[in-house]
C-alpha atoms as a PDB file:
ATOM      1  CA  MET A   1     179.171 287.643 -47.623  1.00  0.00           C
ATOM      2  CA  LEU A   2     180.860 290.522 -49.254  1.00  0.00           C
ATOM      3  CA  ALA A   3     179.140 289.867 -52.529  1.00  0.00           C
ATOM      4  CA  ILE A   4     175.807 289.847 -50.508  1.00  0.00           C
ATOM      5  CA  SER A   5     176.852 292.952 -48.965  1.00  0.00           C
ATOM      6  CA  PHE A   6     177.258 294.452 -52.322  1.00  0.00           C
ATOM      7  CA  VAL A   7     174.235 293.319 -53.922  1.00  0.00           C
ATOM      8  CA  ILE A   8     172.181 294.816 -51.155  1.00  0.00           C
ATOM      9  CA  LEU A   9     174.066 298.102 -50.956  1.00  0.00           C
ATOM     10  CA  SER A  10     173.474 298.277 -54.883  1.00  0.00           C
ATOM     11  CA  ALA A  11     169.796 298.164 -54.419  1.00  0.00           C
ATOM     12  CA  THR A  12     170.097 300.539 -51.538  1.00  0.00           C
ATOM     13  CA  VAL A  13     172.100 303.124 -53.825  1.00  0.00           C
ATOM     14  CA  ALA A  14     169.645 302.638 -56.409  1.00  0.00           C
ATOM     15  CA  MET A  15     166.505 303.482 -53.858  1.00  0.00           C
ATOM     16  CA  GLY A  16     168.616 306.467 -53.099  1.00  0.00           C
ATOM     17  CA  ALA A  17     169.053 308.019 -56.339  1.00  0.00           C
ATOM     18  CA  TYR A  18     165.193 307.136 -56.981  1.00  0.00           C
ATOM     19  CA  LEU A  19     164.294 309.299 -53.788  1.00  0.00           C
ATOM     20  CA  LEU A  20     166.446 311.835 -54.873  1.00  0.00           C
ATOM     21  CA  ALA A  21     164.718 312.156 -58.184  1.00  0.00           C
ATOM     22  CA  ARG A  22     161.184 311.453 -56.947  1.00  0.00           C
ATOM     23  CA  GLY A  23     160.246 310.899 -53.328  1.00  0.00           C
ATOM     24  CA  ARG A  24     157.851 308.178 -52.846  1.00  0.00           C
ATOM     25  CA  PRO A  25     156.155 306.984 -49.484  1.00  0.00           C
ATOM     26  CA  GLY A  26     157.320 303.910 -47.915  1.00  0.00           C
ATOM     27  CA  LEU A  27     160.615 303.805 -50.267  1.00  0.00           C
ATOM     28  CA  PRO A  28     162.795 305.848 -47.420  1.00  0.00           C
ATOM     29  CA  ILE A  29     162.023 303.100 -44.922  1.00  0.00           C
ATOM     30  CA  LEU A  30     162.902 300.211 -47.152  1.00  0.00           C
ATOM     31  CA  HIS A  31     166.089 302.528 -48.118  1.00  0.00           C
ATOM     32  CA  GLY A  32     166.952 302.609 -44.503  1.00  0.00           C
ATOM     33  CA  ALA A  33     166.229 299.003 -43.785  1.00  0.00           C
ATOM     34  CA  SER A  34     168.368 297.857 -46.791  1.00  0.00           C
ATOM     35  CA  GLY A  35     171.104 299.920 -45.895  1.00  0.00           C
ATOM     36  CA  ALA A  36     171.338 298.759 -42.551  1.00  0.00           C
ATOM     37  CA  ALA A  37     171.113 295.118 -43.768  1.00  0.00           C
ATOM     38  CA  GLY A  38     174.180 296.075 -46.000  1.00  0.00           C
ATOM     39  CA  LEU A  39     176.216 297.536 -43.345  1.00  0.00           C
ATOM     40  CA  VAL A  40     175.743 294.279 -41.031  1.00  0.00           C
ATOM     41  CA  ALA A  41     176.473 292.138 -44.092  1.00  0.00           C
ATOM     42  CA  LEU A  42     179.435 294.089 -44.360  1.00  0.00           C
ATOM     43  CA  VAL A  43     180.723 293.946 -41.197  1.00  0.00           C
ATOM     44  CA  LEU A  44     179.971 290.120 -40.713  1.00  0.00           C
ATOM     45  CA  ALA A  45     182.229 289.839 -44.317  1.00  0.00           C
ATOM     46  CA  LEU A  46     184.930 291.755 -42.837  1.00  0.00           C
ATOM     47  CA  ARG A  47     185.140 289.761 -39.585  1.00  0.00           C
ATOM     48  CA  GLY A  48     185.453 286.359 -41.797  1.00  0.00           C
ATOM     49  CA  HIS A  49     187.780 287.822 -44.535  1.00  0.00           C
ATOM     50  CA  ALA A  50     191.267 287.515 -44.301  1.00  0.00           C
ATOM     51  CA  LEU A  51     191.940 290.066 -47.204  1.00  0.00           C
ATOM     52  CA  SER A  52     190.023 292.865 -45.410  1.00  0.00           C
ATOM     53  CA  GLY A  53     191.779 295.797 -46.721  1.00  0.00           C
ATOM     54  CA  VAL A  54     191.484 299.254 -46.171  1.00  0.00           C
ATOM     55  CA  PHE A  55     189.058 300.231 -48.678  1.00  0.00           C
ATOM     56  CA  ALA A  56     186.488 297.942 -47.254  1.00  0.00           C
ATOM     57  CA  GLN A  57     187.066 299.187 -43.725  1.00  0.00           C
ATOM     58  CA  ASP A  58     186.758 302.669 -44.829  1.00  0.00           C
ATOM     59  CA  ALA A  59     183.573 301.659 -46.597  1.00  0.00           C
ATOM     60  CA  ALA A  60     182.236 300.213 -43.359  1.00  0.00           C
ATOM     61  CA  TRP A  61     183.097 303.270 -41.421  1.00  0.00           C
ATOM     62  CA  LEU A  62     181.514 305.649 -44.147  1.00  0.00           C
ATOM     63  CA  LEU A  63     178.239 303.431 -44.272  1.00  0.00           C
ATOM     64  CA  ALA A  64     177.998 303.608 -40.530  1.00  0.00           C
ATOM     65  CA  ALA A  65     178.290 307.554 -40.861  1.00  0.00           C
ATOM     66  CA  GLY A  66     175.807 307.504 -43.545  1.00  0.00           C
ATOM     67  CA  PHE A  67     173.348 305.415 -41.578  1.00  0.00           C
ATOM     68  CA  CYS A  68     173.807 307.870 -38.693  1.00  0.00           C
ATOM     69  CA  GLY A  69     172.814 310.854 -41.173  1.00  0.00           C
ATOM     70  CA  GLY A  70     169.914 308.775 -42.287  1.00  0.00           C
ATOM     71  CA  LEU A  71     168.674 308.368 -38.692  1.00  0.00           C
ATOM     72  CA  ALA A  72     168.799 312.068 -38.292  1.00  0.00           C
ATOM     73  CA  ILE A  73     167.171 312.548 -41.554  1.00  0.00           C
ATOM     74  CA  ALA A  74     164.337 310.382 -40.189  1.00  0.00           C
ATOM     75  CA  ILE A  75     163.963 312.251 -37.079  1.00  0.00           C
ATOM     76  CA  PHE A  76     163.597 315.405 -38.679  1.00  0.00           C
ATOM     77  CA  LYS A  77     161.006 313.914 -40.811  1.00  0.00           C
ATOM     78  CA  ALA A  78     159.103 312.347 -37.739  1.00  0.00           C
ATOM     79  CA  ARG A  79     159.214 315.929 -35.895  1.00  0.00           C
ATOM     80  CA  GLY A  80     157.623 317.538 -39.267  1.00  0.00           C
ATOM     81  CA  ARG A  81     160.755 319.742 -39.424  1.00  0.00           C
ATOM     82  CA  PRO A  82     162.649 320.373 -42.725  1.00  0.00           C
ATOM     83  CA  THR A  83     165.509 318.414 -43.261  1.00  0.00           C
ATOM     84  CA  PRO A  84     168.712 320.591 -43.683  1.00  0.00           C
ATOM     85  CA  GLY A  85     170.144 320.414 -47.057  1.00  0.00           C
ATOM     86  CA  LEU A  86     173.878 319.751 -45.661  1.00  0.00           C
ATOM     87  CA  LEU A  87     172.734 316.915 -43.714  1.00  0.00           C
ATOM     88  CA  LEU A  88     171.116 315.355 -46.962  1.00  0.00           C
ATOM     89  CA  PHE A  89     174.538 315.924 -48.640  1.00  0.00           C
ATOM     90  CA  LEU A  90     176.591 314.421 -45.896  1.00  0.00           C
ATOM     91  CA  HIS A  91     174.382 311.423 -45.963  1.00  0.00           C
ATOM     92  CA  ALA A  92     174.567 310.863 -49.525  1.00  0.00           C
ATOM     93  CA  THR A  93     178.003 311.769 -50.078  1.00  0.00           C
ATOM     94  CA  ALA A  94     179.126 309.037 -47.240  1.00  0.00           C
ATOM     95  CA  GLY A  95     176.907 306.347 -48.720  1.00  0.00           C
ATOM     96  CA  GLY A  96     178.238 307.201 -52.046  1.00  0.00           C
ATOM     97  CA  LEU A  97     181.725 307.118 -51.380  1.00  0.00           C
ATOM     98  CA  ALA A  98     181.096 304.065 -49.164  1.00  0.00           C
ATOM     99  CA  TYR A  99     179.679 302.428 -52.195  1.00  0.00           C
ATOM    100  CA  LEU A 100     182.672 303.516 -54.296  1.00  0.00           C
ATOM    101  CA  LEU A 101     185.127 302.174 -52.091  1.00  0.00           C
ATOM    102  CA  LEU A 102     183.519 298.921 -51.688  1.00  0.00           C
ATOM    103  CA  ALA A 103     183.088 298.391 -55.377  1.00  0.00           C
ATOM    104  CA  GLY A 104     186.760 298.839 -55.490  1.00  0.00           C
ATOM    105  CA  PHE A 105     187.571 296.312 -53.085  1.00  0.00           C
ATOM    106  CA  VAL A 106     185.059 293.832 -54.328  1.00  0.00           C
ATOM    107  CA  PHE A 107     186.119 294.258 -58.188  1.00  0.00           C
ATOM    108  CA  GLY A 108     189.783 294.834 -57.595  1.00  0.00           C
ATOM    109  CA  HIS A 109     190.318 291.057 -56.123  1.00  0.00           C
END
């Protein structure tokens, strides 16, 4: 389950990087859905993983924070208001750090 979470989140990070470079209609919804699926898979993996370390737990918390930031971005977009740059920065930073922590946990064992 941990490997599945990592693969899903790898696709999510790739979509996020593509969105940063060139926004495409429909891709933000797929980016958010895959991020949520990766978060659920990670939480399920941590529940059954005897070696769940601090890296993986911190990654789950950072992913949850990034997900909340993504929901806030979606609310701004739905209301037609410009998204604050700080919110985008925090969303991307939380997601990126979570991905790096998870990679360290997955490849460190």
